[in-house]
PDB file of all heavy atoms in Angstrom:
ATOM      1  N   ALA A   1     -17.432 -20.951   8.891  1.00  0.00           N
ATOM      2  CA  ALA A   1     -17.340 -19.569   8.665  1.00  0.00           C
ATOM      3  C   ALA A   1     -18.767 -18.911   8.593  1.00  0.00           C
ATOM      4  O   ALA A   1     -19.096 -17.769   9.219  1.00  0.00           O
ATOM      5  CB  ALA A   1     -16.551 -19.083   7.593  1.00  0.00           C
ATOM      6  N   ARG A   2     -19.653 -19.442   7.986  1.00  0.00           N
ATOM      7  CA  ARG A   2     -21.048 -18.996   7.767  1.00  0.00           C
ATOM      8  C   ARG A   2     -21.764 -19.014   9.144  1.00  0.00           C
ATOM      9  O   ARG A   2     -22.411 -18.065   9.474  1.00  0.00           O
ATOM     10  CB  ARG A   2     -21.725 -19.699   6.769  1.00  0.00           C
ATOM     11  CG  ARG A   2     -23.073 -19.218   6.362  1.00  0.00           C
ATOM     12  CD  ARG A   2     -23.852 -19.901   5.234  1.00  0.00           C
ATOM     13  NE  ARG A   2     -23.091 -20.133   4.103  1.00  0.00           N
ATOM     14  CZ  ARG A   2     -22.586 -21.278   3.568  1.00  0.00           C
ATOM     15  NH1 ARG A   2     -22.939 -22.403   4.093  1.00  0.00           N
ATOM     16  NH2 ARG A   2     -21.923 -21.334   2.430  1.00  0.00           N
ATOM     17  N   ARG A   3     -21.644 -20.094   9.788  1.00  0.00           N
ATOM     18  CA  ARG A   3     -22.296 -20.251  11.063  1.00  0.00           C
ATOM     19  C   ARG A   3     -21.771 -19.180  12.067  1.00  0.00           C
ATOM     20  O   ARG A   3     -22.522 -18.569  12.867  1.00  0.00           O
ATOM     21  CB  ARG A   3     -22.146 -21.611  11.805  1.00  0.00           C
ATOM     22  CG  ARG A   3     -23.002 -22.583  11.199  1.00  0.00           C
ATOM     23  CD  ARG A   3     -22.766 -23.827  11.896  1.00  0.00           C
ATOM     24  NE  ARG A   3     -23.943 -24.791  11.712  1.00  0.00           N
ATOM     25  CZ  ARG A   3     -24.027 -25.715  10.691  1.00  0.00           C
ATOM     26  NH1 ARG A   3     -23.000 -25.793   9.796  1.00  0.00           N
ATOM     27  NH2 ARG A   3     -25.024 -26.540  10.590  1.00  0.00           N
ATOM     28  N   ASP A   4     -20.515 -18.894  12.017  1.00  0.00           N
ATOM     29  CA  ASP A   4     -19.862 -17.774  12.929  1.00  0.00           C
ATOM     30  C   ASP A   4     -20.392 -16.437  12.485  1.00  0.00           C
ATOM     31  O   ASP A   4     -20.749 -15.681  13.358  1.00  0.00           O
ATOM     32  CB  ASP A   4     -18.306 -17.912  12.795  1.00  0.00           C
ATOM     33  CG  ASP A   4     -17.743 -16.890  13.781  1.00  0.00           C
ATOM     34  OD1 ASP A   4     -17.975 -16.959  14.924  1.00  0.00           O
ATOM     35  OD2 ASP A   4     -16.856 -16.073  13.322  1.00  0.00           O
ATOM     36  N   GLU A   5     -20.461 -16.175  11.321  1.00  0.00           N
ATOM     37  CA  GLU A   5     -21.064 -14.868  10.811  1.00  0.00           C
ATOM     38  C   GLU A   5     -22.444 -14.727  11.057  1.00  0.00           C
ATOM     39  O   GLU A   5     -22.796 -13.470  11.378  1.00  0.00           O
ATOM     40  CB  GLU A   5     -20.907 -14.783   9.231  1.00  0.00           C
ATOM     41  CG  GLU A   5     -19.368 -14.663   8.818  1.00  0.00           C
ATOM     42  CD  GLU A   5     -19.314 -14.737   7.264  1.00  0.00           C
ATOM     43  OE1 GLU A   5     -20.341 -15.067   6.579  1.00  0.00           O
ATOM     44  OE2 GLU A   5     -18.260 -14.777   6.780  1.00  0.00           O
ATOM     45  N   GLN A   6     -23.177 -15.608  11.192  1.00  0.00           N
ATOM     46  CA  GLN A   6     -24.582 -15.689  11.554  1.00  0.00           C
ATOM     47  C   GLN A   6     -24.885 -15.502  13.017  1.00  0.00           C
ATOM     48  O   GLN A   6     -26.058 -15.455  13.599  1.00  0.00           O
ATOM     49  CB  GLN A   6     -25.373 -16.966  10.951  1.00  0.00           C
ATOM     50  CG  GLN A   6     -25.423 -16.908   9.469  1.00  0.00           C
ATOM     51  CD  GLN A   6     -26.039 -18.205   8.967  1.00  0.00           C
ATOM     52  OE1 GLN A   6     -26.174 -19.215   9.686  1.00  0.00           O
ATOM     53  NE2 GLN A   6     -26.287 -18.243   7.650  1.00  0.00           N
ATOM     54  N   GLY A   7     -23.717 -15.660  13.786  1.00  0.00           N
ATOM     55  CA  GLY A   7     -23.866 -15.707  15.242  1.00  0.00           C
ATOM     56  C   GLY A   7     -24.341 -16.903  15.918  1.00  0.00           C
ATOM     57  O   GLY A   7     -24.831 -16.970  17.058  1.00  0.00           O
ATOM     58  N   THR A   8     -24.242 -18.041  15.167  1.00  0.00           N
ATOM     59  CA  THR A   8     -24.668 -19.375  15.824  1.00  0.00           C
ATOM     60  C   THR A   8     -23.573 -19.717  16.840  1.00  0.00           C
ATOM     61  O   THR A   8     -22.380 -19.592  16.630  1.00  0.00           O
ATOM     62  CB  THR A   8     -24.598 -20.390  14.656  1.00  0.00           C
ATOM     63  OG1 THR A   8     -25.428 -20.129  13.620  1.00  0.00           O
ATOM     64  CG2 THR A   8     -25.024 -21.801  15.258  1.00  0.00           C
ATOM     65  N   ARG A   9     -24.182 -20.067  17.952  1.00  0.00           N
ATOM     66  CA  ARG A   9     -23.277 -20.431  19.107  1.00  0.00           C
ATOM     67  C   ARG A   9     -22.771 -21.860  18.896  1.00  0.00           C
ATOM     68  O   ARG A   9     -23.546 -22.876  18.749  1.00  0.00           O
ATOM     69  CB  ARG A   9     -24.069 -20.313  20.360  1.00  0.00           C
ATOM     70  CG  ARG A   9     -23.220 -20.546  21.605  1.00  0.00           C
ATOM     71  CD  ARG A   9     -23.962 -20.390  22.872  1.00  0.00           C
ATOM     72  NE  ARG A   9     -23.002 -20.888  23.977  1.00  0.00           N
ATOM     73  CZ  ARG A   9     -23.089 -20.540  25.193  1.00  0.00           C
ATOM     74  NH1 ARG A   9     -24.060 -19.568  25.385  1.00  0.00           N
ATOM     75  NH2 ARG A   9     -22.319 -20.963  26.095  1.00  0.00           N
ATOM     76  N   MET A  10     -21.376 -21.914  18.695  1.00  0.00           N
ATOM     77  CA  MET A  10     -20.821 -23.299  18.382  1.00  0.00           C
ATOM     78  C   MET A  10     -19.968 -23.715  19.519  1.00  0.00           C
ATOM     79  O   MET A  10     -19.410 -22.820  20.225  1.00  0.00           O
ATOM     80  CB  MET A  10     -20.095 -23.151  17.149  1.00  0.00           C
ATOM     81  CG  MET A  10     -20.858 -22.989  15.922  1.00  0.00           C
ATOM     82  SD  MET A  10     -19.817 -23.100  14.430  1.00  0.00           S
ATOM     83  CE  MET A  10     -18.861 -21.589  14.490  1.00  0.00           C
ATOM     84  N   GLY A  11     -19.797 -24.962  19.788  1.00  0.00           N
ATOM     85  CA  GLY A  11     -18.762 -25.566  20.652  1.00  0.00           C
ATOM     86  C   GLY A  11     -17.810 -26.396  19.905  1.00  0.00           C
ATOM     87  O   GLY A  11     -17.960 -26.584  18.699  1.00  0.00           O
ATOM     88  N   LEU A  12     -16.925 -26.865  20.630  1.00  0.00           N
ATOM     89  CA  LEU A  12     -15.853 -27.820  19.985  1.00  0.00           C
ATOM     90  C   LEU A  12     -15.577 -28.929  20.943  1.00  0.00           C
ATOM     91  O   LEU A  12     -15.617 -28.733  22.150  1.00  0.00           O
ATOM     92  CB  LEU A  12     -14.631 -27.006  19.772  1.00  0.00           C
ATOM     93  CG  LEU A  12     -13.504 -27.715  18.919  1.00  0.00           C
ATOM     94  CD1 LEU A  12     -12.948 -26.677  17.957  1.00  0.00           C
ATOM     95  CD2 LEU A  12     -12.444 -28.169  19.844  1.00  0.00           C
ATOM     96  N   ARG A  13     -15.511 -30.194  20.331  1.00  0.00           N
ATOM     97  CA  ARG A  13     -15.181 -31.343  21.186  1.00  0.00           C
ATOM     98  C   ARG A  13     -13.878 -31.943  20.720  1.00  0.00           C
ATOM     99  O   ARG A  13     -13.653 -32.095  19.401  1.00  0.00           O
ATOM    100  CB  ARG A  13     -16.310 -32.296  20.965  1.00  0.00           C
ATOM    101  CG  ARG A  13     -16.085 -33.455  21.933  1.00  0.00           C
ATOM    102  CD  ARG A  13     -17.307 -34.338  21.984  1.00  0.00           C
ATOM    103  NE  ARG A  13     -18.532 -33.670  22.595  1.00  0.00           N
ATOM    104  CZ  ARG A  13     -19.687 -33.606  21.996  1.00  0.00           C
ATOM    105  NH1 ARG A  13     -19.876 -34.164  20.876  1.00  0.00           N
ATOM    106  NH2 ARG A  13     -20.589 -32.896  22.741  1.00  0.00           N
ATOM    107  N   TRP A  14     -12.863 -32.154  21.653  1.00  0.00           N
ATOM    108  CA  TRP A  14     -11.663 -32.615  21.280  1.00  0.00           C
ATOM    109  C   TRP A  14     -11.214 -33.649  22.424  1.00  0.00           C
ATOM    110  O   TRP A  14     -11.270 -33.209  23.681  1.00  0.00           O
ATOM    111  CB  TRP A  14     -10.625 -31.542  21.035  1.00  0.00           C
ATOM    112  CG  TRP A  14      -9.096 -32.008  20.940  1.00  0.00           C
ATOM    113  CD1 TRP A  14      -8.770 -32.599  19.698  1.00  0.00           C
ATOM    114  CD2 TRP A  14      -8.052 -31.862  21.867  1.00  0.00           C
ATOM    115  NE1 TRP A  14      -7.390 -32.871  19.905  1.00  0.00           N
ATOM    116  CE2 TRP A  14      -6.941 -32.414  21.139  1.00  0.00           C
ATOM    117  CE3 TRP A  14      -7.879 -31.204  22.972  1.00  0.00           C
ATOM    118  CZ2 TRP A  14      -5.601 -32.494  21.770  1.00  0.00           C
ATOM    119  CZ3 TRP A  14      -6.662 -31.244  23.547  1.00  0.00           C
ATOM    120  CH2 TRP A  14      -5.493 -31.771  22.993  1.00  0.00           C
ATOM    121  N   ARG A  15     -10.914 -34.814  22.007  1.00  0.00           N
ATOM    122  CA  ARG A  15     -10.554 -35.813  23.019  1.00  0.00           C
ATOM    123  C   ARG A  15     -11.553 -36.065  24.105  1.00  0.00           C
ATOM    124  O   ARG A  15     -11.188 -36.024  25.309  1.00  0.00           O
ATOM    125  CB  ARG A  15      -9.162 -35.520  23.562  1.00  0.00           C
ATOM    126  CG  ARG A  15      -8.007 -35.684  22.671  1.00  0.00           C
ATOM    127  CD  ARG A  15      -6.718 -35.583  23.267  1.00  0.00           C
ATOM    128  NE  ARG A  15      -5.645 -35.741  22.319  1.00  0.00           N
ATOM    129  CZ  ARG A  15      -4.349 -35.598  22.678  1.00  0.00           C
ATOM    130  NH1 ARG A  15      -3.953 -35.407  23.836  1.00  0.00           N
ATOM    131  NH2 ARG A  15      -3.459 -35.810  21.632  1.00  0.00           N
ATOM    132  N   ASN A  16     -12.786 -36.103  23.639  1.00  0.00           N
ATOM    133  CA  ASN A  16     -13.914 -36.344  24.569  1.00  0.00           C
ATOM    134  C   ASN A  16     -14.136 -35.223  25.665  1.00  0.00           C
ATOM    135  O   ASN A  16     -14.704 -35.399  26.687  1.00  0.00           O
ATOM    136  CB  ASN A  16     -13.843 -37.652  25.370  1.00  0.00           C
ATOM    137  CG  ASN A  16     -13.997 -38.817  24.437  1.00  0.00           C
ATOM    138  OD1 ASN A  16     -14.644 -38.791  23.453  1.00  0.00           O
ATOM    139  ND2 ASN A  16     -13.171 -39.832  24.611  1.00  0.00           N
ATOM    140  N   ARG A  17     -13.629 -34.035  25.411  1.00  0.00           N
ATOM    141  CA  ARG A  17     -13.836 -32.827  26.267  1.00  0.00           C
ATOM    142  C   ARG A  17     -14.465 -31.752  25.505  1.00  0.00           C
ATOM    143  O   ARG A  17     -14.218 -31.489  24.252  1.00  0.00           O
ATOM    144  CB  ARG A  17     -12.531 -32.275  26.846  1.00  0.00           C
ATOM    145  CG  ARG A  17     -11.981 -33.194  27.920  1.00  0.00           C
ATOM    146  CD  ARG A  17     -10.681 -32.630  28.532  1.00  0.00           C
ATOM    147  NE  ARG A  17     -11.184 -31.606  29.338  1.00  0.00           N
ATOM    148  CZ  ARG A  17     -10.263 -30.830  30.021  1.00  0.00           C
ATOM    149  NH1 ARG A  17      -8.955 -30.985  29.981  1.00  0.00           N
ATOM    150  NH2 ARG A  17     -10.690 -29.754  30.738  1.00  0.00           N
ATOM    151  N   ASP A  18     -15.452 -31.053  26.078  1.00  0.00           N
ATOM    152  CA  ASP A  18     -16.089 -30.014  25.466  1.00  0.00           C
ATOM    153  C   ASP A  18     -15.528 -28.573  25.691  1.00  0.00           C
ATOM    154  O   ASP A  18     -15.025 -28.386  26.831  1.00  0.00           O
ATOM    155  CB  ASP A  18     -17.638 -29.908  25.972  1.00  0.00           C
ATOM    156  CG  ASP A  18     -18.372 -31.070  25.446  1.00  0.00           C
ATOM    157  OD1 ASP A  18     -18.072 -31.489  24.304  1.00  0.00           O
ATOM    158  OD2 ASP A  18     -19.345 -31.468  26.191  1.00  0.00           O
ATOM    159  N   TYR A  19     -15.278 -27.801  24.668  1.00  0.00           N
ATOM    160  CA  TYR A  19     -14.773 -26.468  24.667  1.00  0.00           C
ATOM    161  C   TYR A  19     -15.595 -25.489  24.124  1.00  0.00           C
ATOM    162  O   TYR A  19     -16.433 -25.687  23.186  1.00  0.00           O
ATOM    163  CB  TYR A  19     -13.316 -26.535  23.984  1.00  0.00           C
ATOM    164  CG  TYR A  19     -12.348 -27.339  24.512  1.00  0.00           C
ATOM    165  CD1 TYR A  19     -12.269 -28.703  24.233  1.00  0.00           C
ATOM    166  CD2 TYR A  19     -11.484 -26.825  25.457  1.00  0.00           C
ATOM    167  CE1 TYR A  19     -11.292 -29.595  24.727  1.00  0.00           C
ATOM    168  CE2 TYR A  19     -10.447 -27.711  26.005  1.00  0.00           C
ATOM    169  CZ  TYR A  19     -10.404 -29.172  25.483  1.00  0.00           C
ATOM    170  OH  TYR A  19      -9.389 -29.886  26.080  1.00  0.00           O
ATOM    171  N   GLU A  20     -15.538 -24.230  24.758  1.00  0.00           N
ATOM    172  CA  GLU A  20     -16.371 -23.078  24.203  1.00  0.00           C
ATOM    173  C   GLU A  20     -15.393 -22.320  23.321  1.00  0.00           C
ATOM    174  O   GLU A  20     -14.206 -22.160  23.630  1.00  0.00           O
ATOM    175  CB  GLU A  20     -16.707 -22.222  25.367  1.00  0.00           C
ATOM    176  CG  GLU A  20     -17.436 -20.992  25.046  1.00  0.00           C
ATOM    177  CD  GLU A  20     -17.650 -20.138  26.125  1.00  0.00           C
ATOM    178  OE1 GLU A  20     -17.617 -20.511  27.270  1.00  0.00           O
ATOM    179  OE2 GLU A  20     -17.808 -18.791  25.888  1.00  0.00           O
ATOM    180  N   ILE A  21     -15.937 -21.885  22.101  1.00  0.00           N
ATOM    181  CA  ILE A  21     -15.102 -21.278  21.109  1.00  0.00           C
ATOM    182  C   ILE A  21     -15.091 -19.784  21.585  1.00  0.00           C
ATOM    183  O   ILE A  21     -16.158 -19.059  21.739  1.00  0.00           O
ATOM    184  CB  ILE A  21     -15.713 -21.419  19.774  1.00  0.00           C
ATOM    185  CG1 ILE A  21     -15.617 -22.896  19.277  1.00  0.00           C
ATOM    186  CG2 ILE A  21     -14.931 -20.477  18.757  1.00  0.00           C
ATOM    187  CD1 ILE A  21     -16.196 -23.127  17.977  1.00  0.00           C
ATOM    188  N   VAL A  22     -13.902 -19.391  21.919  1.00  0.00           N
ATOM    189  CA  VAL A  22     -13.662 -17.981  22.323  1.00  0.00           C
ATOM    190  C   VAL A  22     -13.537 -17.037  21.111  1.00  0.00           C
ATOM    191  O   VAL A  22     -14.103 -15.903  21.028  1.00  0.00           O
ATOM    192  CB  VAL A  22     -12.405 -17.773  23.220  1.00  0.00           C
ATOM    193  CG1 VAL A  22     -12.100 -16.274  23.626  1.00  0.00           C
ATOM    194  CG2 VAL A  22     -12.482 -18.695  24.355  1.00  0.00           C
ATOM    195  N   SER A  23     -12.823 -17.498  20.082  1.00  0.00           N
ATOM    196  CA  SER A  23     -12.782 -16.648  18.876  1.00  0.00           C
ATOM    197  C   SER A  23     -12.440 -17.539  17.675  1.00  0.00           C
ATOM    198  O   SER A  23     -11.880 -18.656  17.795  1.00  0.00           O
ATOM    199  CB  SER A  23     -11.582 -15.662  18.972  1.00  0.00           C
ATOM    200  OG  SER A  23     -10.277 -16.215  18.915  1.00  0.00           O
ATOM    201  N   LEU A  24     -12.987 -17.238  16.507  1.00  0.00           N
ATOM    202  CA  LEU A  24     -12.853 -17.851  15.264  1.00  0.00           C
ATOM    203  C   LEU A  24     -12.427 -16.818  14.313  1.00  0.00           C
ATOM    204  O   LEU A  24     -13.243 -15.996  13.975  1.00  0.00           O
ATOM    205  CB  LEU A  24     -14.211 -18.615  14.963  1.00  0.00           C
ATOM    206  CG  LEU A  24     -14.132 -19.665  13.965  1.00  0.00           C
ATOM    207  CD1 LEU A  24     -14.941 -20.860  14.424  1.00  0.00           C
ATOM    208  CD2 LEU A  24     -14.599 -19.246  12.573  1.00  0.00           C
ATOM    209  N   THR A  25     -11.231 -16.987  13.650  1.00  0.00           N
ATOM    210  CA  THR A  25     -10.682 -15.914  12.873  1.00  0.00           C
ATOM    211  C   THR A  25     -10.091 -16.426  11.523  1.00  0.00           C
ATOM    212  O   THR A  25      -9.373 -17.393  11.521  1.00  0.00           O
ATOM    213  CB  THR A  25      -9.551 -15.112  13.688  1.00  0.00           C
ATOM    214  OG1 THR A  25     -10.015 -14.828  14.767  1.00  0.00           O
ATOM    215  CG2 THR A  25      -9.079 -13.929  12.882  1.00  0.00           C
ATOM    216  N   ASP A  26     -10.415 -15.828  10.458  1.00  0.00           N
ATOM    217  CA  ASP A  26      -9.744 -15.953   9.194  1.00  0.00           C
ATOM    218  C   ASP A  26      -8.407 -15.287   9.246  1.00  0.00           C
ATOM    219  O   ASP A  26      -8.438 -14.092   9.133  1.00  0.00           O
ATOM    220  CB  ASP A  26     -10.701 -15.538   8.115  1.00  0.00           C
ATOM    221  CG  ASP A  26     -10.070 -15.578   6.666  1.00  0.00           C
ATOM    222  OD1 ASP A  26      -8.997 -16.298   6.590  1.00  0.00           O
ATOM    223  OD2 ASP A  26     -10.569 -15.059   5.779  1.00  0.00           O
ATOM    224  N   ASP A  27      -7.357 -15.946   9.342  1.00  0.00           N
ATOM    225  CA  ASP A  27      -6.049 -15.371   9.697  1.00  0.00           C
ATOM    226  C   ASP A  27      -5.612 -14.165   8.694  1.00  0.00           C
ATOM    227  O   ASP A  27      -5.318 -13.159   9.103  1.00  0.00           O
ATOM    228  CB  ASP A  27      -4.988 -16.444   9.618  1.00  0.00           C
ATOM    229  CG  ASP A  27      -4.882 -17.225  11.073  1.00  0.00           C
ATOM    230  OD1 ASP A  27      -5.647 -16.757  11.957  1.00  0.00           O
ATOM    231  OD2 ASP A  27      -4.084 -18.168  11.094  1.00  0.00           O
ATOM    232  N   ASP A  28      -5.484 -14.639   7.545  1.00  0.00           N
ATOM    233  CA  ASP A  28      -4.996 -13.623   6.336  1.00  0.00           C
ATOM    234  C   ASP A  28      -6.045 -13.062   5.565  1.00  0.00           C
ATOM    235  O   ASP A  28      -5.788 -12.245   4.743  1.00  0.00           O
ATOM    236  CB  ASP A  28      -3.969 -14.312   5.698  1.00  0.00           C
ATOM    237  CG  ASP A  28      -4.520 -15.529   4.893  1.00  0.00           C
ATOM    238  OD1 ASP A  28      -5.690 -15.859   5.023  1.00  0.00           O
ATOM    239  OD2 ASP A  28      -3.626 -16.225   4.298  1.00  0.00           O
ATOM    240  N   GLY A  29      -7.314 -13.259   5.777  1.00  0.00           N
ATOM    241  CA  GLY A  29      -8.262 -12.794   4.940  1.00  0.00           C
ATOM    242  C   GLY A  29      -8.469 -13.398   3.606  1.00  0.00           C
ATOM    243  O   GLY A  29      -9.232 -12.868   2.776  1.00  0.00           O
TER     244      GLY A  29
END
């Protein structure tokens, strides 16, 4: 959450594939 708030560009790797994070949301606050 801190990296997202700071605007750090993050990616995600799942099953040896790279993904770009489109959105990262705290569901209920």
